Amino acid sequence: MKNKTIEHAIEAKAFGLQESRVDWHDETLWFIRNKRDKAALSVPEWELLRTYASAIKDHTLSNLNEYLMNFERQAQKNNVQVHWAYDAEEHNEIVFNILRKENITGIVKSKSMLTEECHLNQFLEQKGIQVTDTDLGERIVQLRKEAPSHIVLPAIHLKKSDVSHTFHEFLGTEKDNNDPQYLTSAARSHLRQMFLASEAALTGVNFAIAETGAIVVCTNEGNADMGVHAARVHIASMGLEKIIPTTADLGVFLRLLTRSATGQPITTYSSHYYKARPGATMHIVIVDNGRSRQLGNESFRNSLKCIRCGACLNTCPVFRRSGGHSYHYAIGGPIGSILAPNNDKSKNYDLPFASTLCGSCTNVCPVKIDLHDQLWKWRQVLMKEGYGPDSKRIMMKIMAFILAKPSLYKVAGSTARFVLQYFPFLVRIKAFNPWIINRELPAAPSISFTTWYKKNRK
C-alpha cells in the first residue's frame, strides 16, 4: 500500500464524536435537499433542462480549445487582459504579479472554490498581501482560520453561537449575542470598510461565454459587485471548464444552478462582466491545474461538466454525517472525491471510498454527471495501482473466491447465520469489525434465501 493514512475516516470519526452537531448538520443539509426537490418539481421541463445542460457541456468539452480561444479573442476586444495558468502555482504568481505591478497590498475576494483549490489566500498573505473574503460564510471561516466546509455554504458546520463567539473575538461584538440580524449587521459594517478601502477585487467565474468574452458571477449577497465596482482592478479566476458557447445557453444553467444548490428560483445577483469601467482594469486568469488531464480520461471527463451547485453534497449520506472538513480537499462530497485523485492520488486516494455508491448524487446532479459510477471507477484504478489498504485487497480476493464457488458460499452463509444467532458478541468487537461502530447489528435470518425460495417457488 502506497499510503497508509486513511485521513477521511480519521476526520469523520472525530466529527462523529459530536453527536448533536452531526445530527444537526445532517438534518440541515437534508432540509436543503428537500428544498431542491420542491424547486425541481415546480419546473415541468426540469428533466429536459438537465438533458439539455448535459448536452451543452458535452459539446463544449468536445470543442474546448475552439471555445477557449474564441473567448480569449472576444475578451481582448473588450480590453480585458487574459492570462493562462498551467497549475495552481502559476495562477498564484500571475495574481501576485498583477497586484505588485499595480502597487496594491490588499484585496477583497468573493467566494471562489478555484482560489481555495490553489491555496491563493495563504500564498498572497506570505507575500504581504492582505486578503479579505467577503462572502459572509467565507469571512467567518477565514476569521476562524478554517477552510470552507461546503462549496456553497462555507460555514454550514457552524451554529449561531459559534459565529457569535467568533465575531466577539475578532469584531468586538457583544458576547453571547446570537441574534442573526445583529451578527449580520456587524459583518456588513466590518466588510463595508474593506470594500471602500480595497483597490483590487478578485472574483470567481460561474460561467464564461465564448460568444461575447463575458463572465458571469452568481452571488446571493452582492459582494462580488461591491468589490468590483469599488476597486480599480478586477481579477477573475476561472477554471477552463467554465466555458459555455453562447449567452442563450446561460438561461439553461441559471434555471438549474440555484434550484439545485439552495432551492431558490434564481440567485439574487447574476452579474455579467464584459469590460472594466473607464480608469479601471480587468484581468481573467484561465486555469488548467489538472483539468486537461481529466478531460483526456474518458472515464472521468464528465466530471468537468460540474457547475458547483453542491446538490451532490447535500444529498450524500456520507458527507452529511462526516462533515466537509473530513475530505481534506477544497471540494468535498461526491464531486470532490472524483476531482481530488486526479490532482494527487497519493494524498486523496481515500476519498472515492467515502461513499455508499447509493446513486443519490447522480440522481440530483443538474448536468447528469455519472457521479457514483465515476466513484466506483476510481476505486478500481486506485486499488489496481496499489493505493488501497492491503486488508481490503485481501478481503476482496477471499470474497471473490467464496462467491465463485456455490457450495463454499452456502457453507459461509450458514456459518454467518449461526454466529449471528448464537455468538453475536463476536461480531460486535469493534477492533475487528469497524462496520459496527456506528450501526446496529441486524437480526440474523432463520434460513437462507435459497432455502426459502425452494420452499415457496411454487
Protein backbone atom coordinates (compact mmCIF):
# COMPACT_ATOMS: atom_id res chain seq x y z
CA MET A 1 0.00 0.00 0.00
CA LYS A 2 1.46 3.38 -1.03
CA ASN A 3 -0.22 5.49 1.66
CA LYS A 4 -1.33 4.02 4.99
CA THR A 5 -3.19 7.07 6.32
CA ILE A 6 -6.93 6.95 5.63
CA GLU A 7 -7.44 10.60 6.55
CA HIS A 8 -11.13 10.83 5.70
CA ALA A 9 -12.01 8.03 8.10
CA ILE A 10 -9.96 9.64 10.89
CA GLU A 11 -11.51 13.09 10.41
CA ALA A 12 -15.01 11.66 10.01
CA LYS A 13 -14.61 9.76 13.26
CA ALA A 14 -13.56 12.98 15.04
CA PHE A 15 -16.58 14.83 13.60
CA GLY A 16 -18.83 11.94 14.64
CA LEU A 17 -17.90 12.35 18.31
CA GLN A 18 -20.07 15.50 18.38
CA GLU A 19 -23.31 13.58 18.03
CA SER A 20 -25.71 16.51 18.38
CA ARG A 21 -23.73 18.56 15.84
CA VAL A 22 -23.65 15.65 13.42
CA ASP A 23 -27.42 15.23 13.66
CA TRP A 24 -27.93 18.96 13.15
CA HIS A 25 -25.54 19.01 10.15
CA ASP A 26 -27.31 16.01 8.64
CA GLU A 27 -30.80 17.46 9.13
CA THR A 28 -29.81 20.90 7.81
CA LEU A 29 -28.36 19.57 4.57
CA TRP A 30 -31.31 17.22 4.10
CA PHE A 31 -33.64 20.20 4.57
CA ILE A 32 -31.81 21.93 1.69
CA ARG A 33 -32.04 18.75 -0.38
CA ASN A 34 -35.82 18.77 0.16
CA LYS A 35 -35.97 22.41 -0.94
CA ARG A 36 -34.13 21.38 -4.09
CA ASP A 37 -36.72 18.66 -4.78
CA LYS A 38 -39.63 21.09 -4.38
CA ALA A 39 -37.92 23.63 -6.66
CA ALA A 40 -37.28 20.97 -9.30
CA LEU A 41 -40.88 19.75 -9.19
CA SER A 42 -42.07 23.32 -9.78
CA VAL A 43 -40.48 23.26 -13.25
CA PRO A 44 -42.36 20.89 -15.59
CA GLU A 45 -39.45 20.71 -18.03
CA TRP A 46 -36.84 20.03 -15.31
CA GLU A 47 -35.56 16.76 -16.77
CA LEU A 48 -35.44 18.31 -20.24
CA LEU A 49 -33.32 21.16 -18.82
CA ARG A 50 -30.93 18.64 -17.22
CA THR A 51 -30.61 16.77 -20.51
CA TYR A 52 -30.07 20.00 -22.46
CA ALA A 53 -27.44 21.29 -19.97
CA SER A 54 -25.59 17.99 -20.09
CA ALA A 55 -25.60 18.06 -23.90
CA ILE A 56 -24.29 21.65 -23.97
CA LYS A 57 -21.46 20.65 -21.67
CA ASP A 58 -20.69 17.54 -23.75
CA HIS A 59 -20.49 19.65 -26.89
CA THR A 60 -18.36 22.32 -25.20
CA LEU A 61 -15.88 19.85 -23.71
CA SER A 62 -15.52 18.18 -27.11
CA ASN A 63 -14.65 21.55 -28.67
CA LEU A 64 -12.97 23.15 -25.67
CA ASN A 65 -9.91 24.50 -27.46
CA GLU A 66 -12.05 26.32 -30.04
CA TYR A 67 -14.32 27.90 -27.43
CA LEU A 68 -11.46 28.94 -25.15
CA MET A 69 -9.61 30.66 -27.97
CA ASN A 70 -12.77 32.43 -29.11
CA PHE A 71 -13.46 33.55 -25.56
CA GLU A 72 -9.96 34.99 -25.32
CA ARG A 73 -10.36 36.88 -28.62
CA GLN A 74 -13.69 38.38 -27.58
CA ALA A 75 -12.42 39.33 -24.12
CA GLN A 76 -9.37 41.04 -25.60
CA LYS A 77 -11.65 43.05 -27.90
CA ASN A 78 -13.18 44.40 -24.68
CA ASN A 79 -9.69 45.41 -23.43
CA VAL A 80 -9.68 42.60 -20.87
CA GLN A 81 -6.26 41.09 -20.19
CA VAL A 82 -6.35 37.27 -20.40
CA HIS A 83 -3.74 35.13 -18.66
CA TRP A 84 -3.23 31.36 -18.85
CA ALA A 85 -2.07 29.30 -15.86
CA TYR A 86 -0.91 25.71 -16.16
CA ASP A 87 -1.25 24.93 -12.47
CA ALA A 88 -2.05 26.42 -9.05
CA GLU A 89 1.44 27.85 -8.58
CA GLU A 90 1.35 29.70 -11.89
CA HIS A 91 -2.15 31.04 -11.12
CA ASN A 92 -0.96 32.41 -7.78
CA GLU A 93 2.12 34.00 -9.30
CA ILE A 94 0.02 35.70 -12.01
CA VAL A 95 -2.36 37.18 -9.42
CA PHE A 96 0.54 38.35 -7.25
CA ASN A 97 2.37 39.93 -10.20
CA ILE A 98 -0.77 41.87 -11.20
CA LEU A 99 -1.08 43.23 -7.66
CA ARG A 100 2.64 44.03 -7.42
CA LYS A 101 2.61 45.84 -10.77
CA GLU A 102 -0.35 47.94 -9.57
CA ASN A 103 1.35 48.53 -6.20
CA ILE A 104 -1.62 47.03 -4.33
CA THR A 105 -1.19 45.44 -0.88
CA GLY A 106 -4.76 44.41 -0.10
CA ILE A 107 -7.54 42.63 -1.96
CA VAL A 108 -11.21 41.81 -1.35
CA LYS A 109 -12.27 38.42 -2.64
CA SER A 110 -15.69 36.97 -3.33
CA LYS A 111 -16.20 33.25 -2.99
CA SER A 112 -14.10 31.22 -5.41
CA MET A 113 -13.51 27.49 -4.97
CA LEU A 114 -10.75 27.68 -7.58
CA THR A 115 -8.71 30.00 -5.36
CA GLU A 116 -9.32 27.58 -2.46
CA GLU A 117 -8.05 24.79 -4.70
CA CYS A 118 -4.95 26.87 -5.48
CA HIS A 119 -4.45 27.98 -1.84
CA LEU A 120 -4.27 31.58 -3.04
CA ASN A 121 -5.02 33.20 0.33
CA GLN A 122 -2.05 31.61 2.05
CA PHE A 123 0.23 32.40 -0.88
CA LEU A 124 -0.69 36.10 -1.00
CA GLU A 125 -0.50 36.51 2.76
CA GLN A 126 3.02 35.10 2.72
CA LYS A 127 3.85 37.77 0.12
CA GLY A 128 2.50 40.54 2.38
CA ILE A 129 -0.88 40.93 0.64
CA GLN A 130 -3.92 41.26 2.91
CA VAL A 131 -6.81 39.08 1.66
CA THR A 132 -10.37 39.66 2.88
CA ASP A 133 -13.01 37.10 1.95
CA THR A 134 -16.29 38.97 1.56
CA ASP A 135 -18.81 36.15 1.28
CA LEU A 136 -20.25 36.03 4.81
CA GLY A 137 -19.67 32.31 5.30
CA GLU A 138 -16.15 32.57 3.87
CA ARG A 139 -15.34 35.53 6.12
CA ILE A 140 -16.49 33.61 9.18
CA VAL A 141 -14.26 30.61 8.46
CA GLN A 142 -11.39 32.89 7.44
CA LEU A 143 -11.51 34.60 10.83
CA ARG A 144 -11.52 31.17 12.47
CA LYS A 145 -8.56 30.10 10.28
CA GLU A 146 -10.61 27.23 8.87
CA ALA A 147 -11.25 26.09 5.32
CA PRO A 148 -14.77 26.21 3.89
CA SER A 149 -16.64 23.00 4.69
CA HIS A 150 -19.07 23.24 1.75
CA ILE A 151 -18.75 24.73 -1.73
CA VAL A 152 -21.99 26.73 -1.47
CA LEU A 153 -22.45 27.00 2.31
CA PRO A 154 -18.89 27.51 3.60
CA ALA A 155 -19.84 27.76 7.29
CA ILE A 156 -22.66 25.19 7.36
CA HIS A 157 -20.78 23.25 10.06
CA LEU A 158 -21.13 26.19 12.49
CA LYS A 159 -24.05 27.24 14.69
CA LYS A 160 -25.15 30.77 15.60
CA SER A 161 -23.31 30.51 18.92
CA ASP A 162 -20.06 29.65 17.09
CA VAL A 163 -20.44 32.72 14.86
CA SER A 164 -21.27 34.91 17.86
CA HIS A 165 -18.13 33.77 19.66
CA THR A 166 -16.00 34.36 16.53
CA PHE A 167 -17.39 37.86 15.96
CA HIS A 168 -16.95 38.76 19.64
CA GLU A 169 -13.30 37.73 19.42
CA PHE A 170 -12.44 39.39 16.10
CA LEU A 171 -15.04 42.15 15.55
CA GLY A 172 -15.76 43.15 19.14
CA THR A 173 -19.46 42.32 19.11
CA GLU A 174 -21.49 41.73 22.26
CA LYS A 175 -20.59 38.50 24.00
CA ASP A 176 -23.17 35.69 23.61
CA ASN A 177 -25.44 37.78 21.39
CA ASN A 178 -26.65 35.10 18.98
CA ASP A 179 -29.21 37.19 17.13
CA PRO A 180 -28.66 36.59 13.37
CA GLN A 181 -29.74 40.11 12.42
CA TYR A 182 -27.31 41.65 14.89
CA LEU A 183 -24.45 39.42 13.70
CA THR A 184 -25.21 40.11 10.03
CA SER A 185 -25.28 43.86 10.67
CA ALA A 186 -21.89 43.65 12.39
CA ALA A 187 -20.45 41.72 9.43
CA ARG A 188 -21.90 44.25 6.98
CA SER A 189 -20.29 47.19 8.80
CA HIS A 190 -16.97 45.36 9.02
CA LEU A 191 -16.92 44.37 5.34
CA ARG A 192 -18.09 47.75 4.09
CA GLN A 193 -14.83 49.27 5.34
CA MET A 194 -12.89 46.64 3.44
CA PHE A 195 -14.81 47.25 0.21
CA LEU A 196 -14.22 51.00 0.36
CA ALA A 197 -10.52 50.70 1.18
CA SER A 198 -9.51 48.00 -1.30
CA GLU A 199 -8.10 48.84 -4.72
CA ALA A 200 -8.39 45.30 -6.08
CA ALA A 201 -11.22 42.76 -6.14
CA LEU A 202 -10.98 39.09 -7.05
CA THR A 203 -13.99 37.06 -8.11
CA GLY A 204 -14.58 33.53 -9.25
CA VAL A 205 -16.35 32.71 -12.50
CA ASN A 206 -19.56 30.69 -12.65
CA PHE A 207 -19.88 30.85 -16.44
CA ALA A 208 -17.69 32.25 -19.23
CA ILE A 209 -19.42 32.96 -22.53
CA ALA A 210 -17.32 32.23 -25.61
CA GLU A 211 -19.60 34.25 -27.86
CA THR A 212 -19.05 37.55 -26.04
CA GLY A 213 -15.96 37.18 -23.84
CA ALA A 214 -18.09 37.99 -20.79
CA ILE A 215 -18.01 36.24 -17.44
CA VAL A 216 -20.99 35.66 -15.15
CA VAL A 217 -20.71 35.58 -11.35
CA CYS A 218 -23.64 34.38 -9.23
CA THR A 219 -24.00 35.52 -5.60
CA ASN A 220 -26.76 35.96 -3.06
CA GLU A 221 -25.04 38.74 -1.13
CA GLY A 222 -23.91 41.10 -3.89
CA ASN A 223 -20.38 41.03 -2.51
CA ALA A 224 -18.79 40.41 -5.91
CA ASP A 225 -20.47 43.55 -7.29
CA MET A 226 -19.48 45.61 -4.25
CA GLY A 227 -15.86 44.59 -4.62
CA VAL A 228 -15.60 45.04 -8.39
CA HIS A 229 -17.44 48.38 -8.53
CA ALA A 230 -15.35 49.94 -5.78
CA ALA A 231 -11.94 48.66 -6.89
CA ARG A 232 -9.81 49.85 -9.79
CA VAL A 233 -8.51 46.32 -10.57
CA HIS A 234 -10.75 43.29 -11.13
CA ILE A 235 -9.15 39.85 -11.29
CA ALA A 236 -11.35 36.87 -12.23
CA SER A 237 -10.04 33.35 -11.56
CA MET A 238 -11.59 30.86 -13.93
CA GLY A 239 -11.28 27.11 -14.41
CA LEU A 240 -11.07 26.35 -18.13
CA GLU A 241 -14.19 24.14 -17.90
CA LYS A 242 -16.42 27.15 -17.09
CA ILE A 243 -16.86 27.97 -20.78
CA ILE A 244 -20.30 27.80 -22.41
CA PRO A 245 -20.84 28.63 -26.09
CA THR A 246 -23.46 31.41 -26.15
CA THR A 247 -25.45 33.80 -23.99
CA ALA A 248 -28.61 31.86 -24.91
CA ASP A 249 -27.12 28.77 -23.24
CA LEU A 250 -26.75 30.71 -20.00
CA GLY A 251 -30.50 30.66 -19.37
CA VAL A 252 -30.48 26.87 -19.14
CA PHE A 253 -27.79 26.83 -16.45
CA LEU A 254 -29.18 29.71 -14.40
CA ARG A 255 -32.53 27.89 -14.14
CA LEU A 256 -30.73 24.79 -12.86
CA LEU A 257 -27.97 26.24 -10.68
CA THR A 258 -29.67 27.76 -7.65
CA ARG A 259 -32.66 25.43 -7.64
CA SER A 260 -30.14 22.61 -7.30
CA ALA A 261 -27.99 24.45 -4.77
CA THR A 262 -30.41 26.00 -2.28
CA GLY A 263 -33.89 25.55 -3.71
CA GLN A 264 -34.15 29.19 -4.84
CA PRO A 265 -35.67 30.03 -8.24
CA ILE A 266 -32.53 32.02 -9.13
CA THR A 267 -29.55 33.64 -7.46
CA THR A 268 -30.17 37.12 -6.07
CA TYR A 269 -27.37 38.53 -8.26
CA SER A 270 -26.29 37.10 -11.62
CA SER A 271 -23.69 39.67 -12.64
CA HIS A 272 -22.27 39.96 -16.16
CA TYR A 273 -18.79 41.47 -16.53
CA TYR A 274 -17.73 42.41 -20.07
CA LYS A 275 -15.09 45.07 -19.56
CA ALA A 276 -13.60 47.36 -16.95
CA ARG A 277 -15.09 50.80 -16.36
CA PRO A 278 -13.01 53.84 -17.52
CA GLY A 279 -9.86 54.17 -15.43
CA ALA A 280 -10.01 50.57 -14.20
CA THR A 281 -8.54 47.30 -15.48
CA MET A 282 -9.89 43.76 -15.74
CA HIS A 283 -7.92 40.52 -15.80
CA ILE A 284 -9.11 36.96 -16.38
CA VAL A 285 -6.83 34.10 -15.31
CA ILE A 286 -7.78 30.84 -17.05
CA VAL A 287 -6.52 27.86 -15.05
CA ASP A 288 -5.85 24.25 -16.04
CA ASN A 289 -4.46 22.64 -12.84
CA GLY A 290 -5.15 19.07 -13.95
CA ARG A 291 -8.36 19.76 -15.87
CA SER A 292 -6.91 18.89 -19.28
CA ARG A 293 -5.67 15.61 -17.80
CA GLN A 294 -9.20 14.87 -16.56
CA LEU A 295 -10.57 15.86 -19.96
CA GLY A 296 -8.32 13.32 -21.66
CA ASN A 297 -9.54 10.48 -19.44
CA GLU A 298 -12.73 9.05 -20.93
CA SER A 299 -13.80 7.53 -17.61
CA PHE A 300 -13.72 10.85 -15.74
CA ARG A 301 -14.13 13.66 -18.30
CA ASN A 302 -17.82 14.09 -17.40
CA SER A 303 -16.78 15.48 -14.03
CA LEU A 304 -15.77 18.68 -15.88
CA LYS A 305 -19.46 19.35 -16.52
CA CYS A 306 -19.85 20.32 -12.85
CA ILE A 307 -21.40 23.76 -12.21
CA ARG A 308 -20.54 23.69 -8.46
CA CYS A 309 -24.14 23.69 -7.21
CA GLY A 310 -23.39 21.44 -4.23
CA ALA A 311 -26.50 19.28 -4.72
CA CYS A 312 -24.46 16.08 -4.52
CA LEU A 313 -23.02 17.18 -1.17
CA ASN A 314 -26.45 17.95 0.27
CA THR A 315 -27.85 14.54 -0.61
CA CYS A 316 -24.79 12.38 0.16
CA PRO A 317 -25.34 10.39 3.39
CA VAL A 318 -21.58 10.18 3.96
CA PHE A 319 -20.95 13.91 3.55
CA ARG A 320 -23.91 14.83 5.72
CA ARG A 321 -22.64 12.74 8.63
CA SER A 322 -18.87 13.11 8.23
CA GLY A 323 -18.61 16.88 7.65
CA GLY A 324 -16.93 18.76 4.84
CA HIS A 325 -13.54 19.09 6.53
CA SER A 326 -13.10 15.31 6.58
CA TYR A 327 -12.48 15.42 2.81
CA HIS A 328 -9.15 17.31 3.16
CA TYR A 329 -9.64 18.85 -0.30
CA ALA A 330 -11.06 22.19 -1.42
CA ILE A 331 -14.18 20.45 -2.75
CA GLY A 332 -15.83 17.76 -0.65
CA GLY A 333 -18.59 15.25 -1.25
CA PRO A 334 -19.01 13.04 -4.32
CA ILE A 335 -17.75 15.56 -6.90
CA GLY A 336 -14.68 16.41 -4.81
CA SER A 337 -13.96 12.71 -4.35
CA ILE A 338 -13.78 12.38 -8.15
CA LEU A 339 -11.72 15.51 -8.78
CA ALA A 340 -9.22 15.10 -5.94
CA PRO A 341 -7.46 11.87 -7.03
CA ASN A 342 -6.86 13.40 -10.46
CA ASN A 343 -4.68 16.05 -8.81
CA ASP A 344 -2.87 13.77 -6.35
CA LYS A 345 -3.64 10.08 -5.96
CA SER A 346 -1.30 9.57 -3.01
CA LYS A 347 -2.96 12.30 -0.92
CA ASN A 348 -6.56 11.73 -1.98
CA TYR A 349 -6.83 8.01 -2.70
CA ASP A 350 -9.16 7.52 0.28
CA LEU A 351 -11.90 9.87 -0.93
CA PRO A 352 -13.59 7.68 -3.60
CA PHE A 353 -14.14 5.13 -0.83
CA ALA A 354 -16.07 7.72 1.25
CA SER A 355 -19.30 6.76 -0.47
CA THR A 356 -22.11 4.23 -0.24
CA LEU A 357 -22.46 4.23 -4.05
CA CYS A 358 -26.20 4.73 -3.46
CA GLY A 359 -26.53 6.85 -6.61
CA SER A 360 -28.37 9.74 -4.96
CA CYS A 361 -25.66 12.16 -6.12
CA THR A 362 -26.16 11.15 -9.74
CA ASN A 363 -29.94 11.50 -9.38
CA VAL A 364 -29.76 15.14 -8.27
CA CYS A 365 -26.89 16.37 -10.48
CA PRO A 366 -28.29 19.14 -12.73
CA VAL A 367 -25.90 18.27 -15.57
CA LYS A 368 -26.25 14.49 -15.25
CA ILE A 369 -22.70 13.62 -14.21
CA ASP A 370 -22.48 9.86 -13.58
CA LEU A 371 -21.05 10.52 -10.11
CA HIS A 372 -21.49 7.18 -8.40
CA ASP A 373 -20.20 5.33 -11.47
CA GLN A 374 -17.06 7.50 -11.51
CA LEU A 375 -16.51 6.89 -7.80
CA TRP A 376 -16.65 3.16 -8.48
CA LYS A 377 -14.22 3.53 -11.41
CA TRP A 378 -11.76 5.49 -9.26
CA ARG A 379 -11.82 2.66 -6.72
CA GLN A 380 -10.81 0.19 -9.42
CA VAL A 381 -7.98 2.44 -10.60
CA LEU A 382 -6.64 3.15 -7.12
CA MET A 383 -6.78 -0.46 -5.91
CA LYS A 384 -5.09 -1.65 -9.11
CA GLU A 385 -2.29 0.89 -8.66
CA GLY A 386 -1.71 -0.13 -5.05
CA TYR A 387 -3.16 2.84 -3.18
CA GLY A 388 -5.86 0.95 -1.25
CA PRO A 389 -5.37 -0.89 2.06
CA ASP A 390 -3.84 -4.36 1.84
CA SER A 391 -6.59 -5.62 4.16
CA LYS A 392 -9.25 -4.59 1.61
CA ARG A 393 -7.38 -6.23 -1.25
CA ILE A 394 -7.02 -9.49 0.68
CA MET A 395 -10.66 -9.46 1.77
CA MET A 396 -11.87 -8.87 -1.79
CA LYS A 397 -9.82 -11.83 -3.02
CA ILE A 398 -11.32 -14.03 -0.29
CA MET A 399 -14.83 -12.86 -1.16
CA ALA A 400 -14.25 -13.43 -4.88
CA PHE A 401 -13.03 -16.96 -4.13
CA ILE A 402 -16.11 -17.75 -1.98
CA LEU A 403 -18.62 -16.17 -4.36
CA ALA A 404 -17.19 -18.14 -7.29
CA LYS A 405 -17.94 -21.46 -5.55
CA PRO A 406 -21.65 -22.01 -4.74
CA SER A 407 -21.03 -24.83 -2.29
CA LEU A 408 -18.49 -22.78 -0.34
CA TYR A 409 -20.83 -19.76 -0.43
CA LYS A 410 -23.59 -21.90 1.08
CA VAL A 411 -21.33 -23.04 3.92
CA ALA A 412 -20.16 -19.46 4.57
CA GLY A 413 -23.77 -18.24 4.73
CA SER A 414 -24.76 -20.98 7.18
CA THR A 415 -21.74 -20.19 9.37
CA ALA A 416 -22.51 -16.48 9.36
CA ARG A 417 -26.15 -17.06 10.38
CA PHE A 418 -25.04 -19.42 13.15
CA VAL A 419 -22.58 -16.88 14.56
CA LEU A 420 -25.12 -14.03 14.38
CA GLN A 421 -27.78 -16.13 16.14
CA TYR A 422 -25.71 -17.71 18.92
CA PHE A 423 -22.46 -15.73 19.25
CA PRO A 424 -23.34 -12.13 18.18
CA PHE A 425 -20.76 -10.68 20.60
CA LEU A 426 -18.02 -11.91 18.26
CA VAL A 427 -19.34 -9.62 15.52
CA ARG A 428 -19.62 -6.69 17.93
CA ILE A 429 -15.86 -6.49 18.56
CA LYS A 430 -15.20 -3.07 17.06
CA ALA A 431 -11.48 -3.62 16.62
CA PHE A 432 -12.22 -6.42 14.15
CA ASN A 433 -15.46 -5.10 12.68
CA PRO A 434 -15.42 -1.28 12.24
CA TRP A 435 -18.77 -1.56 10.42
CA ILE A 436 -20.48 -1.99 13.79
CA ILE A 437 -19.16 1.28 15.28
CA ASN A 438 -21.99 3.45 14.03
CA ARG A 439 -24.54 0.78 13.10
CA GLU A 440 -26.91 -1.59 14.83
CA LEU A 441 -26.37 -5.31 14.27
CA PRO A 442 -29.21 -6.66 12.07
CA ALA A 443 -31.18 -9.71 13.12
CA ALA A 444 -29.95 -12.92 11.51
CA PRO A 445 -32.40 -14.62 9.09
CA SER A 446 -33.54 -18.06 10.25
CA ILE A 447 -32.99 -19.60 6.80
CA SER A 448 -31.13 -18.65 3.64
CA PHE A 449 -32.87 -17.10 0.64
CA THR A 450 -32.10 -20.23 -1.40
CA THR A 451 -33.88 -22.43 1.15
CA TRP A 452 -36.83 -20.05 1.30
CA TYR A 453 -37.07 -19.93 -2.49
CA LYS A 454 -37.07 -23.71 -2.83
CA LYS A 455 -39.93 -23.92 -0.34
CA ASN A 456 -42.01 -21.13 -1.86
CA ARG A 457 -41.25 -21.02 -5.58
CA LYS A 458 -44.46 -22.90 -6.47
